[in-house]
Amino acid sequence: MKLAILGYGKMGKTVEEIANSRNHEIVYITSDELDIAALKKADVAIDFSIPEAAFTNITSCLENKVAVVSGTTGWLNQYEEAADVCRSESGRFLYASNFSVGVNVFFELNSYLAKMMSALEDYTVNMKEIHHLEKKDAPSGTAISLADQIINESSYQTWNHPPQNDKLSIGIEAERKEGVFGFHDVTYDSAIDTISISHNAKSRKGFAHGAVIAAEWILNQEQGVYSMKDVLQLNTPT
């Protein structure tokens, strides 16, 4: 597979390492304005850029018939527009707030637990995420995805950061610490007990490995807008 890497920070470099270990050809790497001629040499582009560049990167790929896998967070107010471009261009687009296999299992656990807890009025939910100092957006895209899942399964209407004293919102605490690759915790608390689920990433390799797996997968798909749930074929029990 011929790959383009859009965004050559720590994640982009780790994607390069994983892709090379899986015998893929890196044909284009950039952290700057796109060179469309170079981009078009790729079968798939993996985007780990910055929020300000993500939408342009993704739509440029789609308009030039390059499948694109994006893990950039902080731009999701334009996600539906990007999905519309994908459909109009008959392209292939996969976005994930987190490509880690473990986190995607965690998403399924979170959704299932939220459905169970929705009938138990004595519990309130709150969330915490911790990331490295270089992470610019807060709360993380993963934390927002977790909160959105809970909202879909419960009477909560929104999330807030920093947390507020509001029974209809999920409070998300975000912390930045040196050397933390990604920690997420969802806690249901009552006067009697506490129920928590959490995920702790030990390195960036899990995220990069998942992104490369997603690129391998989307190469063989028909046109469409996809997620890691499609790649991993995860199904929450009903």
C-alpha atoms as a PDB file:
ATOM      1  CA  MET A   1       0.000   0.000   0.000  1.00  0.00           C
ATOM      2  CA  LYS A   2       1.239   3.494  -0.853  1.00  0.00           C
ATOM      3  CA  LEU A   3       0.740   5.825   2.106  1.00  0.00           C
ATOM      4  CA  ALA A   4       0.773   9.571   2.647  1.00  0.00           C
ATOM      5  CA  ILE A   5       1.292  10.877   6.187  1.00  0.00           C
ATOM      6  CA  LEU A   6      -0.289  14.272   6.815  1.00  0.00           C
ATOM      7  CA  GLY A   7       1.150  15.692  10.018  1.00  0.00           C
ATOM      8  CA  TYR A   8       4.666  14.636  10.962  1.00  0.00           C
ATOM      9  CA  GLY A   9       4.680  15.155  14.697  1.00  0.00           C
ATOM     10  CA  LYS A  10       5.168  12.391  17.255  1.00  0.00           C
ATOM     11  CA  MET A  11       2.105  10.477  16.050  1.00  0.00           C
ATOM     12  CA  GLY A  12       3.060  10.869  12.390  1.00  0.00           C
ATOM     13  CA  LYS A  13       6.544   9.536  13.094  1.00  0.00           C
ATOM     14  CA  THR A  14       5.094   6.555  14.976  1.00  0.00           C
ATOM     15  CA  VAL A  15       2.711   5.867  12.068  1.00  0.00           C
ATOM     16  CA  GLU A  16       5.731   5.899   9.750  1.00  0.00           C
ATOM     17  CA  GLU A  17       7.516   3.376  11.982  1.00  0.00           C
ATOM     18  CA  ILE A  18       4.522   1.018  12.104  1.00  0.00           C
ATOM     19  CA  ALA A  19       3.806   1.356   8.365  1.00  0.00           C
ATOM     20  CA  ASN A  20       7.415   0.537   7.478  1.00  0.00           C
ATOM     21  CA  SER A  21       7.340  -2.495   9.779  1.00  0.00           C
ATOM     22  CA  ARG A  22       4.288  -3.738   7.838  1.00  0.00           C
ATOM     23  CA  ASN A  23       6.071  -3.255   4.484  1.00  0.00           C
ATOM     24  CA  HIS A  24       4.030  -0.309   3.234  1.00  0.00           C
ATOM     25  CA  GLU A  25       5.547   2.353   0.985  1.00  0.00           C
ATOM     26  CA  ILE A  26       5.524   5.916   2.303  1.00  0.00           C
ATOM     27  CA  VAL A  27       5.225   8.114  -0.797  1.00  0.00           C
ATOM     28  CA  TYR A  28       4.538  11.495   0.818  1.00  0.00           C
ATOM     29  CA  ILE A  29       5.040  13.096   4.245  1.00  0.00           C
ATOM     30  CA  THR A  30       4.155  16.673   5.122  1.00  0.00           C
ATOM     31  CA  SER A  31       3.311  19.002   7.964  1.00  0.00           C
ATOM     32  CA  ASP A  32       2.874  21.926   5.584  1.00  0.00           C
ATOM     33  CA  GLU A  33       0.482  22.932   2.814  1.00  0.00           C
ATOM     34  CA  LEU A  34      -0.407  19.967   0.635  1.00  0.00           C
ATOM     35  CA  ASP A  35       1.420  19.183  -2.592  1.00  0.00           C
ATOM     36  CA  ILE A  36      -1.498  17.706  -4.531  1.00  0.00           C
ATOM     37  CA  ALA A  37       0.696  16.020  -7.155  1.00  0.00           C
ATOM     38  CA  ALA A  38       2.612  14.214  -4.406  1.00  0.00           C
ATOM     39  CA  LEU A  39      -0.566  13.400  -2.488  1.00  0.00           C
ATOM     40  CA  LYS A  40      -2.147  11.745  -5.538  1.00  0.00           C
ATOM     41  CA  LYS A  41       0.613   9.116  -5.572  1.00  0.00           C
ATOM     42  CA  ALA A  42      -0.866   7.600  -2.396  1.00  0.00           C
ATOM     43  CA  ASP A  43      -3.557   4.953  -2.103  1.00  0.00           C
ATOM     44  CA  VAL A  44      -4.457   6.118   1.409  1.00  0.00           C
ATOM     45  CA  ALA A  45      -3.557   9.171   3.489  1.00  0.00           C
ATOM     46  CA  ILE A  46      -3.294   9.050   7.279  1.00  0.00           C
ATOM     47  CA  ASP A  47      -4.000  12.435   8.854  1.00  0.00           C
ATOM     48  CA  PHE A  48      -2.626  13.301  12.288  1.00  0.00           C
ATOM     49  CA  SER A  49      -2.256  17.010  11.672  1.00  0.00           C
ATOM     50  CA  ILE A  50      -3.697  19.936  13.647  1.00  0.00           C
ATOM     51  CA  PRO A  51      -7.329  21.036  14.051  1.00  0.00           C
ATOM     52  CA  GLU A  52      -6.843  24.015  11.738  1.00  0.00           C
ATOM     53  CA  ALA A  53      -5.547  21.816   8.892  1.00  0.00           C
ATOM     54  CA  ALA A  54      -7.648  18.666   9.260  1.00  0.00           C
ATOM     55  CA  PHE A  55     -10.713  19.663   7.234  1.00  0.00           C
ATOM     56  CA  THR A  56      -8.642  20.919   4.285  1.00  0.00           C
ATOM     57  CA  ASN A  57      -6.430  17.827   4.393  1.00  0.00           C
ATOM     58  CA  ILE A  58      -9.398  15.459   4.439  1.00  0.00           C
ATOM     59  CA  THR A  59     -11.405  17.174   1.711  1.00  0.00           C
ATOM     60  CA  SER A  60      -8.323  17.566  -0.500  1.00  0.00           C
ATOM     61  CA  CYS A  61      -7.759  13.815  -0.288  1.00  0.00           C
ATOM     62  CA  LEU A  62     -11.377  13.074  -1.136  1.00  0.00           C
ATOM     63  CA  GLU A  63     -11.441  15.514  -4.044  1.00  0.00           C
ATOM     64  CA  ASN A  64      -8.316  13.843  -5.451  1.00  0.00           C
ATOM     65  CA  LYS A  65      -9.563  10.253  -5.062  1.00  0.00           C
ATOM     66  CA  VAL A  66      -7.247   9.372  -2.184  1.00  0.00           C
ATOM     67  CA  ALA A  67      -8.861   7.414   0.649  1.00  0.00           C
ATOM     68  CA  VAL A  68      -8.271   9.136   3.983  1.00  0.00           C
ATOM     69  CA  VAL A  69      -8.041   8.000   7.592  1.00  0.00           C
ATOM     70  CA  SER A  70      -8.015  10.819  10.150  1.00  0.00           C
ATOM     71  CA  GLY A  71      -7.289  10.839  13.867  1.00  0.00           C
ATOM     72  CA  THR A  72      -6.981  14.595  14.284  1.00  0.00           C
ATOM     73  CA  THR A  73      -9.271  15.949  16.994  1.00  0.00           C
ATOM     74  CA  GLY A  74     -10.584  19.439  17.685  1.00  0.00           C
ATOM     75  CA  TRP A  75     -12.235  20.040  14.280  1.00  0.00           C
ATOM     76  CA  LEU A  76     -15.459  18.049  14.580  1.00  0.00           C
ATOM     77  CA  ASN A  77     -17.732  21.047  14.035  1.00  0.00           C
ATOM     78  CA  GLN A  78     -16.867  20.412  10.348  1.00  0.00           C
ATOM     79  CA  TYR A  79     -17.196  16.613  10.424  1.00  0.00           C
ATOM     80  CA  GLU A  80     -20.616  16.460   8.743  1.00  0.00           C
ATOM     81  CA  GLU A  81     -19.401  18.769   5.998  1.00  0.00           C
ATOM     82  CA  ALA A  82     -16.410  16.487   5.409  1.00  0.00           C
ATOM     83  CA  ALA A  83     -18.727  13.463   5.329  1.00  0.00           C
ATOM     84  CA  ASP A  84     -20.885  15.237   2.734  1.00  0.00           C
ATOM     85  CA  VAL A  85     -17.801  15.879   0.586  1.00  0.00           C
ATOM     86  CA  CYS A  86     -16.933  12.185   0.860  1.00  0.00           C
ATOM     87  CA  ARG A  87     -20.371  11.188  -0.394  1.00  0.00           C
ATOM     88  CA  SER A  88     -20.428  13.737  -3.211  1.00  0.00           C
ATOM     89  CA  GLU A  89     -16.966  12.631  -4.378  1.00  0.00           C
ATOM     90  CA  SER A  90     -17.781   8.907  -3.945  1.00  0.00           C
ATOM     91  CA  GLY A  91     -14.758   8.738  -1.681  1.00  0.00           C
ATOM     92  CA  ARG A  92     -13.644   6.692   1.303  1.00  0.00           C
ATOM     93  CA  PHE A  93     -13.242   8.427   4.662  1.00  0.00           C
ATOM     94  CA  LEU A  94     -12.674   7.030   8.144  1.00  0.00           C
ATOM     95  CA  TYR A  95     -12.505   9.215  11.233  1.00  0.00           C
ATOM     96  CA  ALA A  96     -11.743   8.004  14.745  1.00  0.00           C
ATOM     97  CA  SER A  97     -11.139  10.053  17.862  1.00  0.00           C
ATOM     98  CA  ASN A  98      -8.959   7.135  18.941  1.00  0.00           C
ATOM     99  CA  PHE A  99      -7.552   4.264  16.854  1.00  0.00           C
ATOM    100  CA  SER A 100      -6.433   2.099  19.768  1.00  0.00           C
ATOM    101  CA  VAL A 101      -8.065  -1.333  19.712  1.00  0.00           C
ATOM    102  CA  GLY A 102      -8.339  -1.196  23.505  1.00  0.00           C
ATOM    103  CA  VAL A 103     -10.050   2.195  23.471  1.00  0.00           C
ATOM    104  CA  ASN A 104     -12.560   0.978  20.903  1.00  0.00           C
ATOM    105  CA  VAL A 105     -13.393  -1.962  23.177  1.00  0.00           C
ATOM    106  CA  PHE A 106     -13.687   0.636  25.958  1.00  0.00           C
ATOM    107  CA  PHE A 107     -16.171   2.587  23.810  1.00  0.00           C
ATOM    108  CA  GLU A 108     -18.360  -0.512  23.566  1.00  0.00           C
ATOM    109  CA  LEU A 109     -18.170  -1.108  27.328  1.00  0.00           C
ATOM    110  CA  ASN A 110     -19.030   2.538  27.956  1.00  0.00           C
ATOM    111  CA  SER A 111     -22.090   2.422  25.716  1.00  0.00           C
ATOM    112  CA  TYR A 112     -23.331  -0.806  27.288  1.00  0.00           C
ATOM    113  CA  LEU A 113     -22.773   0.471  30.832  1.00  0.00           C
ATOM    114  CA  ALA A 114     -24.519   3.764  30.035  1.00  0.00           C
ATOM    115  CA  LYS A 115     -27.557   1.863  28.812  1.00  0.00           C
ATOM    116  CA  MET A 116     -27.646  -0.195  32.031  1.00  0.00           C
ATOM    117  CA  MET A 117     -27.144   2.814  34.314  1.00  0.00           C
ATOM    118  CA  SER A 118     -29.758   5.002  32.604  1.00  0.00           C
ATOM    119  CA  ALA A 119     -32.541   3.494  34.728  1.00  0.00           C
ATOM    120  CA  LEU A 120     -30.699   4.008  38.034  1.00  0.00           C
ATOM    121  CA  GLU A 121     -31.492   7.533  39.196  1.00  0.00           C
ATOM    122  CA  ASP A 122     -29.280   7.413  42.319  1.00  0.00           C
ATOM    123  CA  TYR A 123     -26.087   7.547  40.246  1.00  0.00           C
ATOM    124  CA  THR A 124     -24.454  10.559  38.654  1.00  0.00           C
ATOM    125  CA  VAL A 125     -21.732  10.252  36.043  1.00  0.00           C
ATOM    126  CA  ASN A 126     -18.498  12.186  35.702  1.00  0.00           C
ATOM    127  CA  MET A 127     -15.409  11.759  33.578  1.00  0.00           C
ATOM    128  CA  LYS A 128     -11.693  12.456  33.753  1.00  0.00           C
ATOM    129  CA  GLU A 129      -9.029  12.432  31.067  1.00  0.00           C
ATOM    130  CA  ILE A 130      -5.271  12.957  31.375  1.00  0.00           C
ATOM    131  CA  HIS A 131      -2.859  13.508  28.484  1.00  0.00           C
ATOM    132  CA  HIS A 132       0.690  14.672  27.799  1.00  0.00           C
ATOM    133  CA  LEU A 133       1.589  18.353  27.926  1.00  0.00           C
ATOM    134  CA  GLU A 134       1.757  18.696  24.121  1.00  0.00           C
ATOM    135  CA  LYS A 135      -1.921  17.837  23.568  1.00  0.00           C
ATOM    136  CA  LYS A 136      -3.600  21.076  22.558  1.00  0.00           C
ATOM    137  CA  ASP A 137      -7.334  20.332  22.744  1.00  0.00           C
ATOM    138  CA  ALA A 138      -9.200  19.714  25.995  1.00  0.00           C
ATOM    139  CA  PRO A 139     -11.205  17.718  26.662  1.00  0.00           C
ATOM    140  CA  SER A 140      -9.813  15.074  24.348  1.00  0.00           C
ATOM    141  CA  GLY A 141     -11.722  13.811  21.340  1.00  0.00           C
ATOM    142  CA  THR A 142     -11.930  10.428  23.041  1.00  0.00           C
ATOM    143  CA  ALA A 143     -13.519  11.974  26.137  1.00  0.00           C
ATOM    144  CA  ILE A 144     -16.058  13.792  23.965  1.00  0.00           C
ATOM    145  CA  SER A 145     -16.876  10.530  22.152  1.00  0.00           C
ATOM    146  CA  LEU A 146     -17.399   8.785  25.501  1.00  0.00           C
ATOM    147  CA  ALA A 147     -19.658  11.605  26.724  1.00  0.00           C
ATOM    148  CA  ASP A 148     -21.681  11.569  23.506  1.00  0.00           C
ATOM    149  CA  GLN A 149     -22.240   7.825  23.912  1.00  0.00           C
ATOM    150  CA  ILE A 150     -23.579   8.346  27.434  1.00  0.00           C
ATOM    151  CA  ILE A 151     -25.844  11.187  26.267  1.00  0.00           C
ATOM    152  CA  ASN A 152     -27.283   8.918  23.559  1.00  0.00           C
ATOM    153  CA  GLU A 153     -28.208   6.284  26.161  1.00  0.00           C
ATOM    154  CA  SER A 154     -29.427   8.503  29.014  1.00  0.00           C
ATOM    155  CA  SER A 155     -31.268  11.655  30.072  1.00  0.00           C
ATOM    156  CA  TYR A 156     -28.070  13.727  30.052  1.00  0.00           C
ATOM    157  CA  GLN A 157     -28.286  16.497  27.473  1.00  0.00           C
ATOM    158  CA  THR A 158     -24.733  17.804  27.166  1.00  0.00           C
ATOM    159  CA  TRP A 159     -21.218  17.734  28.624  1.00  0.00           C
ATOM    160  CA  ASN A 160     -19.235  20.492  30.268  1.00  0.00           C
ATOM    161  CA  HIS A 161     -15.547  21.247  30.745  1.00  0.00           C
ATOM    162  CA  PRO A 162     -14.717  22.216  33.367  1.00  0.00           C
ATOM    163  CA  PRO A 163     -17.452  20.325  35.246  1.00  0.00           C
ATOM    164  CA  GLN A 164     -20.495  22.313  36.388  1.00  0.00           C
ATOM    165  CA  ASN A 165     -23.121  21.602  39.017  1.00  0.00           C
ATOM    166  CA  ASP A 166     -25.796  20.633  36.503  1.00  0.00           C
ATOM    167  CA  LYS A 167     -27.820  17.429  36.712  1.00  0.00           C
ATOM    168  CA  LEU A 168     -28.375  17.387  32.952  1.00  0.00           C
ATOM    169  CA  SER A 169     -24.705  17.663  31.980  1.00  0.00           C
ATOM    170  CA  ILE A 170     -21.723  15.321  32.226  1.00  0.00           C
ATOM    171  CA  GLY A 171     -18.724  16.953  33.848  1.00  0.00           C
ATOM    172  CA  ILE A 172     -15.385  16.277  32.159  1.00  0.00           C
ATOM    173  CA  GLU A 173     -12.174  17.015  34.033  1.00  0.00           C
ATOM    174  CA  ALA A 174      -9.110  17.382  31.790  1.00  0.00           C
ATOM    175  CA  GLU A 175      -5.539  17.343  33.069  1.00  0.00           C
ATOM    176  CA  ARG A 176      -2.194  17.647  31.292  1.00  0.00           C
ATOM    177  CA  LYS A 177       0.834  15.806  32.705  1.00  0.00           C
ATOM    178  CA  GLU A 178       4.232  15.011  31.312  1.00  0.00           C
ATOM    179  CA  GLY A 179       4.598  11.474  29.972  1.00  0.00           C
ATOM    180  CA  VAL A 180       0.907  10.477  29.965  1.00  0.00           C
ATOM    181  CA  PHE A 181      -0.119   9.027  26.595  1.00  0.00           C
ATOM    182  CA  GLY A 182      -3.821   8.912  27.384  1.00  0.00           C
ATOM    183  CA  PHE A 183      -5.970   8.036  30.397  1.00  0.00           C
ATOM    184  CA  HIS A 184      -9.786   8.059  30.433  1.00  0.00           C
ATOM    185  CA  ASP A 185     -12.105   7.273  33.325  1.00  0.00           C
ATOM    186  CA  VAL A 186     -15.898   7.133  33.497  1.00  0.00           C
ATOM    187  CA  THR A 187     -17.334   7.015  37.012  1.00  0.00           C
ATOM    188  CA  TYR A 188     -20.896   6.528  38.235  1.00  0.00           C
ATOM    189  CA  ASP A 189     -21.210   7.670  41.835  1.00  0.00           C
ATOM    190  CA  SER A 190     -23.968   7.299  44.431  1.00  0.00           C
ATOM    191  CA  ALA A 191     -24.231   7.652  48.206  1.00  0.00           C
ATOM    192  CA  ILE A 192     -23.793   3.891  48.502  1.00  0.00           C
ATOM    193  CA  ASP A 193     -21.038   2.976  46.045  1.00  0.00           C
ATOM    194  CA  THR A 194     -19.026   3.899  42.973  1.00  0.00           C
ATOM    195  CA  ILE A 195     -18.726   2.128  39.612  1.00  0.00           C
ATOM    196  CA  SER A 196     -15.796   3.035  37.347  1.00  0.00           C
ATOM    197  CA  ILE A 197     -14.331   1.919  34.036  1.00  0.00           C
ATOM    198  CA  SER A 198     -11.035   3.248  32.708  1.00  0.00           C
ATOM    199  CA  HIS A 199      -8.467   2.883  29.948  1.00  0.00           C
ATOM    200  CA  ASN A 200      -4.769   3.736  30.210  1.00  0.00           C
ATOM    201  CA  ALA A 201      -2.535   3.881  27.127  1.00  0.00           C
ATOM    202  CA  LYS A 202       1.077   2.800  27.692  1.00  0.00           C
ATOM    203  CA  SER A 203       2.521   4.244  24.463  1.00  0.00           C
ATOM    204  CA  ARG A 204       1.606   5.892  21.165  1.00  0.00           C
ATOM    205  CA  LYS A 205       2.122   2.636  19.282  1.00  0.00           C
ATOM    206  CA  GLY A 206      -1.399   1.391  19.956  1.00  0.00           C
ATOM    207  CA  PHE A 207      -2.877   4.482  18.289  1.00  0.00           C
ATOM    208  CA  ALA A 208      -0.511   4.325  15.310  1.00  0.00           C
ATOM    209  CA  HIS A 209      -0.980   0.579  14.854  1.00  0.00           C
ATOM    210  CA  GLY A 210      -4.752   1.020  14.787  1.00  0.00           C
ATOM    211  CA  ALA A 211      -4.483   3.828  12.231  1.00  0.00           C
ATOM    212  CA  VAL A 212      -2.384   1.684   9.895  1.00  0.00           C
ATOM    213  CA  ILE A 213      -4.820  -1.222  10.305  1.00  0.00           C
ATOM    214  CA  ALA A 214      -7.648   1.189   9.413  1.00  0.00           C
ATOM    215  CA  ALA A 215      -5.750   2.323   6.301  1.00  0.00           C
ATOM    216  CA  GLU A 216      -5.208  -1.294   5.231  1.00  0.00           C
ATOM    217  CA  TRP A 217      -8.901  -1.984   5.752  1.00  0.00           C
ATOM    218  CA  ILE A 218     -10.292   1.064   3.933  1.00  0.00           C
ATOM    219  CA  LEU A 219      -8.131   0.355   0.876  1.00  0.00           C
ATOM    220  CA  ASN A 220     -10.390  -2.611   0.089  1.00  0.00           C
ATOM    221  CA  GLN A 221     -13.740  -0.937   0.828  1.00  0.00           C
ATOM    222  CA  GLU A 222     -16.333   0.629  -1.405  1.00  0.00           C
ATOM    223  CA  GLN A 223     -17.090   4.342  -1.162  1.00  0.00           C
ATOM    224  CA  GLY A 224     -18.433   5.461   2.198  1.00  0.00           C
ATOM    225  CA  VAL A 225     -17.918   7.073   5.590  1.00  0.00           C
ATOM    226  CA  TYR A 226     -16.563   4.652   8.186  1.00  0.00           C
ATOM    227  CA  SER A 227     -15.428   4.323  11.797  1.00  0.00           C
ATOM    228  CA  MET A 228     -13.197   1.982  13.782  1.00  0.00           C
ATOM    229  CA  LYS A 229     -16.303   0.036  14.757  1.00  0.00           C
ATOM    230  CA  ASP A 230     -16.542  -1.014  11.099  1.00  0.00           C
ATOM    231  CA  VAL A 231     -12.867  -1.987  11.005  1.00  0.00           C
ATOM    232  CA  LEU A 232     -12.937  -4.046  14.204  1.00  0.00           C
ATOM    233  CA  GLN A 233     -16.505  -5.359  13.725  1.00  0.00           C
ATOM    234  CA  LEU A 234     -17.385  -4.589  17.324  1.00  0.00           C
ATOM    235  CA  ASN A 235     -21.007  -5.007  18.323  1.00  0.00           C
ATOM    236  CA  THR A 236     -22.349  -3.926  21.703  1.00  0.00           C
ATOM    237  CA  PRO A 237     -24.808  -6.465  23.217  1.00  0.00           C
ATOM    238  CA  THR A 238     -28.427  -5.321  23.000  1.00  0.00           C
END
